[in-house]
Amino acid sequence: MVRMTQDDGELDSLVRKRIRALRVAQGWSLEELAGRARLSPSSLSRIENGQRRLALDQLVTLARALDTSLDQLVENDTDDVILSPMIDGAHGQMRWPIRAEPGMTVIRQRMTTPPPDSPAALRAHSGHEWLVVLSGTAILLLGNRRFRVETNQAAEFPTMVPHAIGTAGGPCDVIGIFDREARRGHNDKKAG
């Protein structure tokens, strides 16, 4: 049986802290998590405090009880915390992929034109989009509705609804989060 012991150092300590932090975040007592993981409260306390060995089968059970995966519980890859953007000068965008959610992308864009006047110019495609206005005011056309999205306000919508985004009289800076399908739909629009 694979075991992690106190001698395994930083990872062992990190896993123990995660178990406790996840338990506390759920608002569970030692007794509640111990019951869910089929451990005694004293065993769970000793695991959290580093006084008992961490066995792989216990980690699997604790991960399930905490509604996470074993990989996330023991993940130690924090070297690449800072990400640099990919610059798309042709569209005035900076783009960052989200590693924890493959297919999700964050985009920063400076908008300088109003939304289209024609309803025929609205696009619909699979996916979901979320955006926040950093400065200025954006106009979101969503179906037959028109929304003003002011600085520090956000909008979230399914991209199957015909939509377009532009400015309200001056430049505005927007950060958007797109799932894979929404990003693909926006790329198709820009290419066409």
C-alpha atoms as a PDB file:
ATOM      1  CA  MET A   1       0.000   0.000   0.000  1.00  0.00           C
ATOM      2  CA  VAL A   2       1.304   3.458  -0.904  1.00  0.00           C
ATOM      3  CA  ARG A   3       1.608   5.692   2.122  1.00  0.00           C
ATOM      4  CA  MET A   4       2.470   9.324   2.651  1.00  0.00           C
ATOM      5  CA  THR A   5       4.195   9.980   5.962  1.00  0.00           C
ATOM      6  CA  GLN A   6       5.315  13.032   7.863  1.00  0.00           C
ATOM      7  CA  ASP A   7       8.728  12.569   6.236  1.00  0.00           C
ATOM      8  CA  ASP A   8       7.281  13.391   2.808  1.00  0.00           C
ATOM      9  CA  GLY A   9       7.539  17.043   3.781  1.00  0.00           C
ATOM     10  CA  GLU A  10       5.760  19.870   2.059  1.00  0.00           C
ATOM     11  CA  LEU A  11       3.244  17.833   0.050  1.00  0.00           C
ATOM     12  CA  ASP A  12       2.174  15.928   3.141  1.00  0.00           C
ATOM     13  CA  SER A  13       1.667  19.183   5.050  1.00  0.00           C
ATOM     14  CA  LEU A  14      -0.176  20.765   2.101  1.00  0.00           C
ATOM     15  CA  VAL A  15      -2.575  17.819   1.779  1.00  0.00           C
ATOM     16  CA  ARG A  16      -3.358  17.907   5.497  1.00  0.00           C
ATOM     17  CA  LYS A  17      -4.018  21.677   5.349  1.00  0.00           C
ATOM     18  CA  ARG A  18      -6.275  21.175   2.318  1.00  0.00           C
ATOM     19  CA  ILE A  19      -8.316  18.500   4.084  1.00  0.00           C
ATOM     20  CA  ARG A  20      -8.886  20.808   7.042  1.00  0.00           C
ATOM     21  CA  ALA A  21      -9.536  23.886   4.852  1.00  0.00           C
ATOM     22  CA  LEU A  22     -12.068  22.018   2.698  1.00  0.00           C
ATOM     23  CA  ARG A  23     -13.808  20.672   5.804  1.00  0.00           C
ATOM     24  CA  VAL A  24     -14.003  24.146   7.356  1.00  0.00           C
ATOM     25  CA  ALA A  25     -15.181  25.680   4.045  1.00  0.00           C
ATOM     26  CA  GLN A  26     -18.083  23.207   4.034  1.00  0.00           C
ATOM     27  CA  GLY A  27     -18.905  24.218   7.605  1.00  0.00           C
ATOM     28  CA  TRP A  28     -18.397  20.648   8.814  1.00  0.00           C
ATOM     29  CA  SER A  29     -17.138  19.578  12.212  1.00  0.00           C
ATOM     30  CA  LEU A  30     -14.559  16.812  12.571  1.00  0.00           C
ATOM     31  CA  GLU A  31     -17.439  14.481  13.434  1.00  0.00           C
ATOM     32  CA  GLU A  32     -19.387  15.341  10.262  1.00  0.00           C
ATOM     33  CA  LEU A  33     -16.475  14.755   7.877  1.00  0.00           C
ATOM     34  CA  ALA A  34     -15.357  11.686   9.809  1.00  0.00           C
ATOM     35  CA  GLY A  35     -18.845  10.216   9.406  1.00  0.00           C
ATOM     36  CA  ARG A  36     -18.890  10.947   5.672  1.00  0.00           C
ATOM     37  CA  ALA A  37     -15.426   9.392   5.263  1.00  0.00           C
ATOM     38  CA  ARG A  38     -16.150   6.455   7.594  1.00  0.00           C
ATOM     39  CA  LEU A  39     -13.301   7.392   9.941  1.00  0.00           C
ATOM     40  CA  SER A  40     -13.354   8.060  13.650  1.00  0.00           C
ATOM     41  CA  PRO A  41     -13.209  11.755  14.607  1.00  0.00           C
ATOM     42  CA  SER A  42      -9.958  11.124  16.495  1.00  0.00           C
ATOM     43  CA  SER A  43      -8.378   9.494  13.408  1.00  0.00           C
ATOM     44  CA  LEU A  44      -9.429  12.445  11.256  1.00  0.00           C
ATOM     45  CA  SER A  45      -8.048  14.874  13.844  1.00  0.00           C
ATOM     46  CA  ARG A  46      -4.701  13.029  13.854  1.00  0.00           C
ATOM     47  CA  ILE A  47      -4.641  13.076  10.019  1.00  0.00           C
ATOM     48  CA  GLU A  48      -5.269  16.832   9.934  1.00  0.00           C
ATOM     49  CA  ASN A  49      -2.637  17.461  12.639  1.00  0.00           C
ATOM     50  CA  GLY A  50       0.079  15.265  11.143  1.00  0.00           C
ATOM     51  CA  GLN A  51       0.003  12.679  13.923  1.00  0.00           C
ATOM     52  CA  ARG A  52      -1.179   9.839  11.693  1.00  0.00           C
ATOM     53  CA  ARG A  53       0.070   8.500   8.377  1.00  0.00           C
ATOM     54  CA  LEU A  54      -1.885   9.341   5.235  1.00  0.00           C
ATOM     55  CA  ALA A  55      -2.797   6.124   3.448  1.00  0.00           C
ATOM     56  CA  LEU A  56      -3.849   6.273  -0.205  1.00  0.00           C
ATOM     57  CA  ASP A  57      -7.190   4.559   0.475  1.00  0.00           C
ATOM     58  CA  GLN A  58      -7.960   7.169   3.171  1.00  0.00           C
ATOM     59  CA  LEU A  59      -7.082   9.988   0.778  1.00  0.00           C
ATOM     60  CA  VAL A  60      -9.446   8.579  -1.850  1.00  0.00           C
ATOM     61  CA  THR A  61     -12.245   8.301   0.729  1.00  0.00           C
ATOM     62  CA  LEU A  62     -11.567  11.810   2.095  1.00  0.00           C
ATOM     63  CA  ALA A  63     -11.476  13.289  -1.425  1.00  0.00           C
ATOM     64  CA  ARG A  64     -14.892  11.756  -2.186  1.00  0.00           C
ATOM     65  CA  ALA A  65     -16.321  12.927   1.139  1.00  0.00           C
ATOM     66  CA  LEU A  66     -15.018  16.455   0.436  1.00  0.00           C
ATOM     67  CA  ASP A  67     -16.498  16.399  -3.099  1.00  0.00           C
ATOM     68  CA  THR A  68     -13.132  16.758  -4.804  1.00  0.00           C
ATOM     69  CA  SER A  69     -10.786  14.452  -6.683  1.00  0.00           C
ATOM     70  CA  LEU A  70      -7.661  12.747  -5.399  1.00  0.00           C
ATOM     71  CA  ASP A  71      -5.679  14.665  -8.051  1.00  0.00           C
ATOM     72  CA  GLN A  72      -6.922  18.007  -6.737  1.00  0.00           C
ATOM     73  CA  LEU A  73      -6.318  16.987  -3.138  1.00  0.00           C
ATOM     74  CA  VAL A  74      -2.645  16.092  -3.761  1.00  0.00           C
ATOM     75  CA  GLU A  75      -1.897  18.572  -6.584  1.00  0.00           C
ATOM     76  CA  ASN A  76       1.376  20.370  -5.969  1.00  0.00           C
ATOM     77  CA  ASP A  77       1.909  22.193  -9.277  1.00  0.00           C
ATOM     78  CA  THR A  78       2.004  25.846  -8.221  1.00  0.00           C
ATOM     79  CA  ASP A  79       5.139  26.831 -10.146  1.00  0.00           C
ATOM     80  CA  ASP A  80       3.313  28.488 -13.062  1.00  0.00           C
ATOM     81  CA  VAL A  81       1.038  30.821 -11.135  1.00  0.00           C
ATOM     82  CA  ILE A  82       1.692  33.910 -13.272  1.00  0.00           C
ATOM     83  CA  LEU A  83       0.501  33.785 -16.892  1.00  0.00           C
ATOM     84  CA  SER A  84       1.446  36.193 -19.651  1.00  0.00           C
ATOM     85  CA  PRO A  85      -1.197  37.089 -22.230  1.00  0.00           C
ATOM     86  CA  MET A  86      -1.215  36.144 -25.882  1.00  0.00           C
ATOM     87  CA  ILE A  87      -1.598  39.391 -27.825  1.00  0.00           C
ATOM     88  CA  ASP A  88      -3.973  39.617 -30.801  1.00  0.00           C
ATOM     89  CA  GLY A  89      -3.113  43.059 -32.174  1.00  0.00           C
ATOM     90  CA  ALA A  90      -5.430  42.682 -35.185  1.00  0.00           C
ATOM     91  CA  HIS A  91      -8.485  42.534 -32.902  1.00  0.00           C
ATOM     92  CA  GLY A  92      -7.132  44.637 -30.007  1.00  0.00           C
ATOM     93  CA  GLN A  93      -7.278  41.713 -27.584  1.00  0.00           C
ATOM     94  CA  MET A  94      -5.188  40.073 -24.912  1.00  0.00           C
ATOM     95  CA  ARG A  95      -6.090  36.427 -24.263  1.00  0.00           C
ATOM     96  CA  TRP A  96      -5.331  34.080 -21.362  1.00  0.00           C
ATOM     97  CA  PRO A  97      -6.338  30.390 -21.339  1.00  0.00           C
ATOM     98  CA  ILE A  98      -7.588  29.051 -17.999  1.00  0.00           C
ATOM     99  CA  ARG A  99      -5.538  25.928 -17.253  1.00  0.00           C
ATOM    100  CA  ALA A 100      -7.891  24.621 -14.583  1.00  0.00           C
ATOM    101  CA  GLU A 101     -10.808  24.725 -17.057  1.00  0.00           C
ATOM    102  CA  PRO A 102      -9.596  23.624 -20.493  1.00  0.00           C
ATOM    103  CA  GLY A 103     -11.647  25.363 -23.127  1.00  0.00           C
ATOM    104  CA  MET A 104     -12.192  28.499 -21.036  1.00  0.00           C
ATOM    105  CA  THR A 105     -10.477  31.681 -22.180  1.00  0.00           C
ATOM    106  CA  VAL A 106     -10.240  35.167 -20.663  1.00  0.00           C
ATOM    107  CA  ILE A 107     -10.065  38.040 -23.149  1.00  0.00           C
ATOM    108  CA  ARG A 108      -9.373  41.727 -22.573  1.00  0.00           C
ATOM    109  CA  GLN A 109     -10.588  43.976 -25.349  1.00  0.00           C
ATOM    110  CA  ARG A 110     -10.750  47.721 -25.932  1.00  0.00           C
ATOM    111  CA  MET A 111     -13.944  48.531 -27.815  1.00  0.00           C
ATOM    112  CA  THR A 112     -14.277  51.725 -29.806  1.00  0.00           C
ATOM    113  CA  THR A 113     -17.358  51.220 -31.985  1.00  0.00           C
ATOM    114  CA  PRO A 114     -21.051  51.086 -31.101  1.00  0.00           C
ATOM    115  CA  PRO A 115     -23.015  47.875 -31.536  1.00  0.00           C
ATOM    116  CA  PRO A 116     -24.504  47.266 -34.999  1.00  0.00           C
ATOM    117  CA  ASP A 117     -27.799  48.946 -35.924  1.00  0.00           C
ATOM    118  CA  SER A 118     -29.132  45.989 -37.868  1.00  0.00           C
ATOM    119  CA  PRO A 119     -30.647  42.994 -36.021  1.00  0.00           C
ATOM    120  CA  ALA A 120     -29.262  40.873 -38.873  1.00  0.00           C
ATOM    121  CA  ALA A 121     -25.742  41.645 -37.591  1.00  0.00           C
ATOM    122  CA  LEU A 122     -26.392  39.898 -34.257  1.00  0.00           C
ATOM    123  CA  ARG A 123     -24.678  36.514 -33.971  1.00  0.00           C
ATOM    124  CA  ALA A 124     -25.755  33.375 -32.157  1.00  0.00           C
ATOM    125  CA  HIS A 125     -23.634  30.291 -31.520  1.00  0.00           C
ATOM    126  CA  SER A 126     -23.175  27.556 -28.955  1.00  0.00           C
ATOM    127  CA  GLY A 127     -21.620  28.459 -25.647  1.00  0.00           C
ATOM    128  CA  HIS A 128     -21.755  30.813 -22.700  1.00  0.00           C
ATOM    129  CA  GLU A 129     -20.157  34.215 -22.111  1.00  0.00           C
ATOM    130  CA  TRP A 130     -19.435  36.381 -19.075  1.00  0.00           C
ATOM    131  CA  LEU A 131     -17.999  39.908 -19.267  1.00  0.00           C
ATOM    132  CA  VAL A 132     -17.151  42.792 -16.970  1.00  0.00           C
ATOM    133  CA  VAL A 133     -16.658  46.417 -18.031  1.00  0.00           C
ATOM    134  CA  LEU A 134     -13.390  47.803 -16.644  1.00  0.00           C
ATOM    135  CA  SER A 135     -13.880  51.357 -17.937  1.00  0.00           C
ATOM    136  CA  GLY A 136     -16.445  53.213 -20.006  1.00  0.00           C
ATOM    137  CA  THR A 137     -19.886  51.885 -20.865  1.00  0.00           C
ATOM    138  CA  ALA A 138     -20.700  48.922 -23.083  1.00  0.00           C
ATOM    139  CA  ILE A 139     -23.960  48.275 -24.885  1.00  0.00           C
ATOM    140  CA  LEU A 140     -25.041  44.642 -24.983  1.00  0.00           C
ATOM    141  CA  LEU A 141     -27.656  43.733 -27.558  1.00  0.00           C
ATOM    142  CA  LEU A 142     -29.217  40.460 -26.514  1.00  0.00           C
ATOM    143  CA  GLY A 143     -32.102  39.254 -28.655  1.00  0.00           C
ATOM    144  CA  ASN A 144     -34.484  42.206 -28.934  1.00  0.00           C
ATOM    145  CA  ARG A 145     -33.225  43.776 -25.673  1.00  0.00           C
ATOM    146  CA  ARG A 146     -30.579  46.479 -25.164  1.00  0.00           C
ATOM    147  CA  PHE A 147     -28.546  46.671 -21.935  1.00  0.00           C
ATOM    148  CA  ARG A 148     -26.140  49.359 -20.703  1.00  0.00           C
ATOM    149  CA  VAL A 149     -23.274  47.722 -18.845  1.00  0.00           C
ATOM    150  CA  GLU A 150     -21.471  50.386 -16.813  1.00  0.00           C
ATOM    151  CA  THR A 151     -17.945  50.328 -15.332  1.00  0.00           C
ATOM    152  CA  ASN A 152     -17.620  47.505 -12.776  1.00  0.00           C
ATOM    153  CA  GLN A 153     -20.864  45.845 -13.873  1.00  0.00           C
ATOM    154  CA  ALA A 154     -20.916  42.369 -15.387  1.00  0.00           C
ATOM    155  CA  ALA A 155     -23.180  40.504 -17.793  1.00  0.00           C
ATOM    156  CA  GLU A 156     -23.602  36.766 -18.245  1.00  0.00           C
ATOM    157  CA  PHE A 157     -25.605  35.113 -21.015  1.00  0.00           C
ATOM    158  CA  PRO A 158     -25.927  32.028 -23.209  1.00  0.00           C
ATOM    159  CA  THR A 159     -24.503  32.802 -26.638  1.00  0.00           C
ATOM    160  CA  MET A 160     -27.344  30.943 -28.366  1.00  0.00           C
ATOM    161  CA  VAL A 161     -29.278  34.207 -27.907  1.00  0.00           C
ATOM    162  CA  PRO A 162     -28.389  36.530 -30.838  1.00  0.00           C
ATOM    163  CA  HIS A 163     -26.024  39.146 -29.434  1.00  0.00           C
ATOM    164  CA  ALA A 164     -23.543  41.933 -30.120  1.00  0.00           C
ATOM    165  CA  ILE A 165     -21.464  44.209 -27.904  1.00  0.00           C
ATOM    166  CA  GLY A 166     -20.237  47.734 -28.577  1.00  0.00           C
ATOM    167  CA  THR A 167     -19.587  51.033 -26.843  1.00  0.00           C
ATOM    168  CA  ALA A 168     -21.909  53.810 -25.687  1.00  0.00           C
ATOM    169  CA  GLY A 169     -20.272  56.939 -27.098  1.00  0.00           C
ATOM    170  CA  GLY A 170     -16.637  56.353 -26.182  1.00  0.00           C
ATOM    171  CA  PRO A 171     -14.043  53.644 -25.769  1.00  0.00           C
ATOM    172  CA  CYS A 172     -14.569  50.955 -23.157  1.00  0.00           C
ATOM    173  CA  ASP A 173     -12.359  48.188 -21.827  1.00  0.00           C
ATOM    174  CA  VAL A 174     -13.965  44.798 -21.289  1.00  0.00           C
ATOM    175  CA  ILE A 175     -12.789  41.479 -19.881  1.00  0.00           C
ATOM    176  CA  GLY A 176     -14.759  38.493 -21.107  1.00  0.00           C
ATOM    177  CA  ILE A 177     -14.697  34.814 -20.172  1.00  0.00           C
ATOM    178  CA  PHE A 178     -15.724  32.453 -22.936  1.00  0.00           C
ATOM    179  CA  ASP A 179     -16.206  28.719 -22.881  1.00  0.00           C
ATOM    180  CA  ARG A 180     -14.771  26.766 -25.828  1.00  0.00           C
ATOM    181  CA  GLU A 181     -17.958  26.964 -27.903  1.00  0.00           C
ATOM    182  CA  ALA A 182     -18.438  30.708 -27.363  1.00  0.00           C
ATOM    183  CA  ARG A 183     -14.779  31.395 -28.189  1.00  0.00           C
ATOM    184  CA  ARG A 184     -15.079  29.344 -31.380  1.00  0.00           C
ATOM    185  CA  GLY A 185     -18.229  31.296 -32.344  1.00  0.00           C
ATOM    186  CA  HIS A 186     -16.475  34.615 -31.805  1.00  0.00           C
ATOM    187  CA  ASN A 187     -13.460  33.455 -33.826  1.00  0.00           C
ATOM    188  CA  ASP A 188     -15.766  32.467 -36.709  1.00  0.00           C
ATOM    189  CA  LYS A 189     -17.388  35.901 -36.584  1.00  0.00           C
ATOM    190  CA  LYS A 190     -14.052  37.699 -36.719  1.00  0.00           C
ATOM    191  CA  ALA A 191     -12.828  35.560 -39.580  1.00  0.00           C
ATOM    192  CA  GLY A 192     -15.975  36.220 -41.637  1.00  0.00           C
END
